[in-house]
Amino acid sequence: QALEREQERLVNLIVQLGDDSQANRE
């Protein structure tokens, strides 16, 4: 459950930022 929450948070952040920065690749 904790991993799924973290994954969802990261995916939402990636989508919000929408760029191809190094941070998003990471």
PDB file of all heavy atoms in Angstrom:
ATOM      1  N   GLN A   1       0.826  -1.205   0.000  1.00  0.00           N
ATOM      2  CA  GLN A   1       0.000   0.000   0.000  1.00  0.00           C
ATOM      3  C   GLN A   1       0.863   1.259   0.000  1.00  0.00           C
ATOM      4  O   GLN A   1       0.577   2.210  -0.735  1.00  0.00           O
ATOM      5  CB  GLN A   1      -0.938   0.002   1.204  1.00  0.00           C
ATOM      6  CG  GLN A   1      -2.059  -1.014   1.090  1.00  0.00           C
ATOM      7  CD  GLN A   1      -2.926  -1.059   2.329  1.00  0.00           C
ATOM      8  OE1 GLN A   1      -2.558  -0.529   3.392  1.00  0.00           O
ATOM      9  NE2 GLN A   1      -4.075  -1.696   2.226  1.00  0.00           N
ATOM     10  N   ALA A   2       1.906   1.272   0.810  1.00  0.00           N
ATOM     11  CA  ALA A   2       2.789   2.438   0.857  1.00  0.00           C
ATOM     12  C   ALA A   2       3.495   2.644  -0.484  1.00  0.00           C
ATOM     13  O   ALA A   2       3.613   3.778  -0.968  1.00  0.00           O
ATOM     14  CB  ALA A   2       3.811   2.279   1.980  1.00  0.00           C
ATOM     15  N   LEU A   3       3.949   1.566  -1.087  1.00  0.00           N
ATOM     16  CA  LEU A   3       4.603   1.666  -2.391  1.00  0.00           C
ATOM     17  C   LEU A   3       3.633   2.162  -3.459  1.00  0.00           C
ATOM     18  O   LEU A   3       4.004   2.987  -4.307  1.00  0.00           O
ATOM     19  CB  LEU A   3       5.190   0.307  -2.799  1.00  0.00           C
ATOM     20  CG  LEU A   3       6.426  -0.137  -2.034  1.00  0.00           C
ATOM     21  CD1 LEU A   3       6.698  -1.619  -2.277  1.00  0.00           C
ATOM     22  CD2 LEU A   3       7.637   0.713  -2.419  1.00  0.00           C
ATOM     23  N   GLU A   4       2.410   1.679  -3.419  1.00  0.00           N
ATOM     24  CA  GLU A   4       1.411   2.122  -4.401  1.00  0.00           C
ATOM     25  C   GLU A   4       1.109   3.609  -4.239  1.00  0.00           C
ATOM     26  O   GLU A   4       0.951   4.323  -5.229  1.00  0.00           O
ATOM     27  CB  GLU A   4       0.126   1.293  -4.271  1.00  0.00           C
ATOM     28  CG  GLU A   4       0.304  -0.121  -4.796  1.00  0.00           C
ATOM     29  CD  GLU A   4      -0.885  -1.024  -4.518  1.00  0.00           C
ATOM     30  OE1 GLU A   4      -1.679  -0.720  -3.590  1.00  0.00           O
ATOM     31  OE2 GLU A   4      -1.016  -2.034  -5.233  1.00  0.00           O
ATOM     32  N   ARG A   5       1.036   4.079  -2.983  1.00  0.00           N
ATOM     33  CA  ARG A   5       0.810   5.519  -2.753  1.00  0.00           C
ATOM     34  C   ARG A   5       1.980   6.338  -3.290  1.00  0.00           C
ATOM     35  O   ARG A   5       1.784   7.380  -3.930  1.00  0.00           O
ATOM     36  CB  ARG A   5       0.597   5.793  -1.268  1.00  0.00           C
ATOM     37  CG  ARG A   5      -0.772   5.400  -0.748  1.00  0.00           C
ATOM     38  CD  ARG A   5      -1.025   5.941   0.661  1.00  0.00           C
ATOM     39  NE  ARG A   5      -0.046   5.483   1.636  1.00  0.00           N
ATOM     40  CZ  ARG A   5      -0.148   4.355   2.338  1.00  0.00           C
ATOM     41  NH1 ARG A   5      -1.188   3.575   2.185  1.00  0.00           N
ATOM     42  NH2 ARG A   5       0.797   4.020   3.206  1.00  0.00           N
ATOM     43  N   GLU A   6       3.197   5.874  -3.011  1.00  0.00           N
ATOM     44  CA  GLU A   6       4.384   6.593  -3.502  1.00  0.00           C
ATOM     45  C   GLU A   6       4.412   6.609  -5.024  1.00  0.00           C
ATOM     46  O   GLU A   6       4.712   7.628  -5.655  1.00  0.00           O
ATOM     47  CB  GLU A   6       5.655   5.936  -2.943  1.00  0.00           C
ATOM     48  CG  GLU A   6       6.950   6.527  -3.462  1.00  0.00           C
ATOM     49  CD  GLU A   6       7.195   7.972  -3.048  1.00  0.00           C
ATOM     50  OE1 GLU A   6       6.430   8.538  -2.240  1.00  0.00           O
ATOM     51  OE2 GLU A   6       8.164   8.554  -3.551  1.00  0.00           O
ATOM     52  N   GLN A   7       4.086   5.499  -5.614  1.00  0.00           N
ATOM     53  CA  GLN A   7       4.073   5.412  -7.073  1.00  0.00           C
ATOM     54  C   GLN A   7       3.027   6.365  -7.658  1.00  0.00           C
ATOM     55  O   GLN A   7       3.302   7.079  -8.627  1.00  0.00           O
ATOM     56  CB  GLN A   7       3.790   3.974  -7.493  1.00  0.00           C
ATOM     57  CG  GLN A   7       3.987   3.731  -8.975  1.00  0.00           C
ATOM     58  CD  GLN A   7       3.794   2.272  -9.313  1.00  0.00           C
ATOM     59  OE1 GLN A   7       2.832   1.651  -8.871  1.00  0.00           O
ATOM     60  NE2 GLN A   7       4.703   1.724 -10.098  1.00  0.00           N
ATOM     61  N   GLU A   8       1.851   6.390  -7.066  1.00  0.00           N
ATOM     62  CA  GLU A   8       0.795   7.287  -7.545  1.00  0.00           C
ATOM     63  C   GLU A   8       1.219   8.747  -7.418  1.00  0.00           C
ATOM     64  O   GLU A   8       0.993   9.551  -8.317  1.00  0.00           O
ATOM     65  CB  GLU A   8      -0.488   7.039  -6.760  1.00  0.00           C
ATOM     66  CG  GLU A   8      -1.655   7.877  -7.241  1.00  0.00           C
ATOM     67  CD  GLU A   8      -2.947   7.583  -6.493  1.00  0.00           C
ATOM     68  OE1 GLU A   8      -2.961   6.688  -5.639  1.00  0.00           O
ATOM     69  OE2 GLU A   8      -3.934   8.271  -6.770  1.00  0.00           O
ATOM     70  N   ARG A   9       1.868   9.076  -6.306  1.00  0.00           N
ATOM     71  CA  ARG A   9       2.350  10.448  -6.102  1.00  0.00           C
ATOM     72  C   ARG A   9       3.351  10.839  -7.188  1.00  0.00           C
ATOM     73  O   ARG A   9       3.272  11.921  -7.773  1.00  0.00           O
ATOM     74  CB  ARG A   9       2.999  10.564  -4.716  1.00  0.00           C
ATOM     75  CG  ARG A   9       3.443  11.978  -4.357  1.00  0.00           C
ATOM     76  CD  ARG A   9       4.259  11.990  -3.078  1.00  0.00           C
ATOM     77  NE  ARG A   9       5.572  11.397  -3.227  1.00  0.00           N
ATOM     78  CZ  ARG A   9       6.619  11.975  -3.826  1.00  0.00           C
ATOM     79  NH1 ARG A   9       6.498  13.185  -4.342  1.00  0.00           N
ATOM     80  NH2 ARG A   9       7.791  11.373  -3.904  1.00  0.00           N
ATOM     81  N   LEU A  10       4.272   9.919  -7.480  1.00  0.00           N
ATOM     82  CA  LEU A  10       5.273  10.205  -8.508  1.00  0.00           C
ATOM     83  C   LEU A  10       4.645  10.341  -9.888  1.00  0.00           C
ATOM     84  O   LEU A  10       5.003  11.242 -10.659  1.00  0.00           O
ATOM     85  CB  LEU A  10       6.347   9.106  -8.519  1.00  0.00           C
ATOM     86  CG  LEU A  10       7.297   9.096  -7.331  1.00  0.00           C
ATOM     87  CD1 LEU A  10       8.134   7.822  -7.338  1.00  0.00           C
ATOM     88  CD2 LEU A  10       8.173  10.327  -7.323  1.00  0.00           C
ATOM     89  N   VAL A  11       3.718   9.468 -10.208  1.00  0.00           N
ATOM     90  CA  VAL A  11       3.056   9.532 -11.517  1.00  0.00           C
ATOM     91  C   VAL A  11       2.304  10.860 -11.651  1.00  0.00           C
ATOM     92  O   VAL A  11       2.384  11.521 -12.696  1.00  0.00           O
ATOM     93  CB  VAL A  11       2.107   8.326 -11.716  1.00  0.00           C
ATOM     94  CG1 VAL A  11       1.188   8.542 -12.910  1.00  0.00           C
ATOM     95  CG2 VAL A  11       2.916   7.046 -11.884  1.00  0.00           C
ATOM     96  N   ASN A  12       1.591  11.253 -10.609  1.00  0.00           N
ATOM     97  CA  ASN A  12       0.878  12.536 -10.658  1.00  0.00           C
ATOM     98  C   ASN A  12       1.844  13.699 -10.855  1.00  0.00           C
ATOM     99  O   ASN A  12       1.557  14.620 -11.623  1.00  0.00           O
ATOM    100  CB  ASN A  12       0.052  12.736  -9.386  1.00  0.00           C
ATOM    101  CG  ASN A  12      -1.158  11.833  -9.332  1.00  0.00           C
ATOM    102  OD1 ASN A  12      -1.647  11.360 -10.358  1.00  0.00           O
ATOM    103  ND2 ASN A  12      -1.642  11.574  -8.131  1.00  0.00           N
ATOM    104  N   LEU A  13       2.971  13.650 -10.200  1.00  0.00           N
ATOM    105  CA  LEU A  13       3.980  14.697 -10.333  1.00  0.00           C
ATOM    106  C   LEU A  13       4.543  14.721 -11.756  1.00  0.00           C
ATOM    107  O   LEU A  13       4.692  15.787 -12.361  1.00  0.00           O
ATOM    108  CB  LEU A  13       5.095  14.487  -9.312  1.00  0.00           C
ATOM    109  CG  LEU A  13       6.126  15.587  -9.163  1.00  0.00           C
ATOM    110  CD1 LEU A  13       5.463  16.923  -8.859  1.00  0.00           C
ATOM    111  CD2 LEU A  13       7.108  15.230  -8.069  1.00  0.00           C
ATOM    112  N   ILE A  14       4.829  13.544 -12.294  1.00  0.00           N
ATOM    113  CA  ILE A  14       5.344  13.454 -13.674  1.00  0.00           C
ATOM    114  C   ILE A  14       4.337  14.054 -14.640  1.00  0.00           C
ATOM    115  O   ILE A  14       4.698  14.832 -15.532  1.00  0.00           O
ATOM    116  CB  ILE A  14       5.664  11.983 -14.030  1.00  0.00           C
ATOM    117  CG1 ILE A  14       6.868  11.494 -13.235  1.00  0.00           C
ATOM    118  CG2 ILE A  14       5.895  11.825 -15.531  1.00  0.00           C
ATOM    119  CD1 ILE A  14       7.061   9.978 -13.263  1.00  0.00           C
ATOM    120  N   VAL A  15       3.076  13.703 -14.470  1.00  0.00           N
ATOM    121  CA  VAL A  15       2.021  14.199 -15.361  1.00  0.00           C
ATOM    122  C   VAL A  15       1.873  15.712 -15.217  1.00  0.00           C
ATOM    123  O   VAL A  15       1.758  16.434 -16.213  1.00  0.00           O
ATOM    124  CB  VAL A  15       0.679  13.480 -15.082  1.00  0.00           C
ATOM    125  CG1 VAL A  15      -0.474  14.158 -15.805  1.00  0.00           C
ATOM    126  CG2 VAL A  15       0.775  12.015 -15.478  1.00  0.00           C
ATOM    127  N   GLN A  16       1.885  16.202 -13.995  1.00  0.00           N
ATOM    128  CA  GLN A  16       1.742  17.644 -13.768  1.00  0.00           C
ATOM    129  C   GLN A  16       2.876  18.426 -14.403  1.00  0.00           C
ATOM    130  O   GLN A  16       2.654  19.464 -15.028  1.00  0.00           O
ATOM    131  CB  GLN A  16       1.706  17.954 -12.269  1.00  0.00           C
ATOM    132  CG  GLN A  16       0.402  17.617 -11.611  1.00  0.00           C
ATOM    133  CD  GLN A  16       0.459  17.871 -10.109  1.00  0.00           C
ATOM    134  OE1 GLN A  16       1.533  18.009  -9.515  1.00  0.00           O
ATOM    135  NE2 GLN A  16      -0.708  17.903  -9.491  1.00  0.00           N
ATOM    136  N   LEU A  17       4.088  17.940 -14.246  1.00  0.00           N
ATOM    137  CA  LEU A  17       5.244  18.660 -14.778  1.00  0.00           C
ATOM    138  C   LEU A  17       5.331  18.505 -16.289  1.00  0.00           C
ATOM    139  O   LEU A  17       5.676  19.442 -16.996  1.00  0.00           O
ATOM    140  CB  LEU A  17       6.525  18.196 -14.093  1.00  0.00           C
ATOM    141  CG  LEU A  17       6.602  18.496 -12.600  1.00  0.00           C
ATOM    142  CD1 LEU A  17       7.840  17.869 -11.987  1.00  0.00           C
ATOM    143  CD2 LEU A  17       6.556  19.992 -12.346  1.00  0.00           C
ATOM    144  N   GLY A  18       5.056  17.303 -16.749  1.00  0.00           N
ATOM    145  CA  GLY A  18       4.963  17.045 -18.179  1.00  0.00           C
ATOM    146  C   GLY A  18       6.210  17.342 -18.993  1.00  0.00           C
ATOM    147  O   GLY A  18       6.124  17.472 -20.216  1.00  0.00           O
ATOM    148  N   ASP A  19       7.349  17.454 -18.381  1.00  0.00           N
ATOM    149  CA  ASP A  19       8.554  17.728 -19.160  1.00  0.00           C
ATOM    150  C   ASP A  19       9.437  16.489 -19.208  1.00  0.00           C
ATOM    151  O   ASP A  19       9.130  15.464 -18.633  1.00  0.00           O
ATOM    152  CB  ASP A  19       9.313  18.927 -18.582  1.00  0.00           C
ATOM    153  CG  ASP A  19       9.800  18.680 -17.154  1.00  0.00           C
ATOM    154  OD1 ASP A  19       9.752  17.530 -16.689  1.00  0.00           O
ATOM    155  OD2 ASP A  19      10.222  19.654 -16.512  1.00  0.00           O
ATOM    156  N   ASP A  20      10.527  16.613 -19.933  1.00  0.00           N
ATOM    157  CA  ASP A  20      11.456  15.490 -20.050  1.00  0.00           C
ATOM    158  C   ASP A  20      12.760  15.821 -19.326  1.00  0.00           C
ATOM    159  O   ASP A  20      13.845  15.532 -19.815  1.00  0.00           O
ATOM    160  CB  ASP A  20      11.704  15.175 -21.540  1.00  0.00           C
ATOM    161  CG  ASP A  20      12.413  13.842 -21.709  1.00  0.00           C
ATOM    162  OD1 ASP A  20      12.143  12.916 -20.919  1.00  0.00           O
ATOM    163  OD2 ASP A  20      13.263  13.740 -22.611  1.00  0.00           O
ATOM    164  N   SER A  21      12.612  16.416 -18.178  1.00  0.00           N
ATOM    165  CA  SER A  21      13.787  16.802 -17.404  1.00  0.00           C
ATOM    166  C   SER A  21      14.451  15.568 -16.806  1.00  0.00           C
ATOM    167  O   SER A  21      13.862  14.483 -16.728  1.00  0.00           O
ATOM    168  CB  SER A  21      13.388  17.763 -16.285  1.00  0.00           C
ATOM    169  OG  SER A  21      12.572  17.082 -15.341  1.00  0.00           O
ATOM    170  N   GLN A  22      15.666  15.748 -16.365  1.00  0.00           N
ATOM    171  CA  GLN A  22      16.393  14.669 -15.689  1.00  0.00           C
ATOM    172  C   GLN A  22      15.626  14.204 -14.452  1.00  0.00           C
ATOM    173  O   GLN A  22      15.534  13.008 -14.182  1.00  0.00           O
ATOM    174  CB  GLN A  22      17.811  15.128 -15.314  1.00  0.00           C
ATOM    175  CG  GLN A  22      18.620  14.077 -14.589  1.00  0.00           C
ATOM    176  CD  GLN A  22      18.888  12.836 -15.431  1.00  0.00           C
ATOM    177  OE1 GLN A  22      19.025  12.918 -16.646  1.00  0.00           O
ATOM    178  NE2 GLN A  22      18.950  11.688 -14.784  1.00  0.00           N
ATOM    179  N   ALA A  23      15.066  15.153 -13.726  1.00  0.00           N
ATOM    180  CA  ALA A  23      14.308  14.810 -12.516  1.00  0.00           C
ATOM    181  C   ALA A  23      13.111  13.921 -12.861  1.00  0.00           C
ATOM    182  O   ALA A  23      12.831  12.947 -12.160  1.00  0.00           O
ATOM    183  CB  ALA A  23      13.846  16.071 -11.802  1.00  0.00           C
ATOM    184  N   ASN A  24      12.415  14.237 -13.948  1.00  0.00           N
ATOM    185  CA  ASN A  24      11.272  13.414 -14.342  1.00  0.00           C
ATOM    186  C   ASN A  24      11.715  12.050 -14.851  1.00  0.00           C
ATOM    187  O   ASN A  24      11.031  11.049 -14.615  1.00  0.00           O
ATOM    188  CB  ASN A  24      10.414  14.125 -15.391  1.00  0.00           C
ATOM    189  CG  ASN A  24       9.159  14.719 -14.788  1.00  0.00           C
ATOM    190  OD1 ASN A  24       8.898  14.563 -13.593  1.00  0.00           O
ATOM    191  ND2 ASN A  24       8.370  15.396 -15.599  1.00  0.00           N
ATOM    192  N   ARG A  25      12.838  11.989 -15.522  1.00  0.00           N
ATOM    193  CA  ARG A  25      13.354  10.687 -15.962  1.00  0.00           C
ATOM    194  C   ARG A  25      13.684   9.825 -14.747  1.00  0.00           C
ATOM    195  O   ARG A  25      13.403   8.622 -14.727  1.00  0.00           O
ATOM    196  CB  ARG A  25      14.572  10.863 -16.870  1.00  0.00           C
ATOM    197  CG  ARG A  25      14.195  11.344 -18.280  1.00  0.00           C
ATOM    198  CD  ARG A  25      15.353  11.239 -19.254  1.00  0.00           C
ATOM    199  NE  ARG A  25      16.462  12.136 -18.930  1.00  0.00           N
ATOM    200  CZ  ARG A  25      16.546  13.427 -19.281  1.00  0.00           C
ATOM    201  NH1 ARG A  25      15.561  13.991 -19.958  1.00  0.00           N
ATOM    202  NH2 ARG A  25      17.603  14.136 -18.955  1.00  0.00           N
ATOM    203  N   GLU A  26      14.249  10.457 -13.729  1.00  0.00           N
ATOM    204  CA  GLU A  26      14.545   9.731 -12.497  1.00  0.00           C
ATOM    205  C   GLU A  26      13.266   9.281 -11.797  1.00  0.00           C
ATOM    206  O   GLU A  26      13.205   8.180 -11.249  1.00  0.00           O
ATOM    207  CB  GLU A  26      15.391  10.602 -11.569  1.00  0.00           C
ATOM    208  CG  GLU A  26      16.812  10.783 -12.084  1.00  0.00           C
ATOM    209  CD  GLU A  26      17.611  11.801 -11.291  1.00  0.00           C
ATOM    210  OE1 GLU A  26      17.114  12.303 -10.250  1.00  0.00           O
ATOM    211  OE2 GLU A  26      18.745  12.101 -11.706  1.00  0.00           O
TER     212      GLU A  26
END
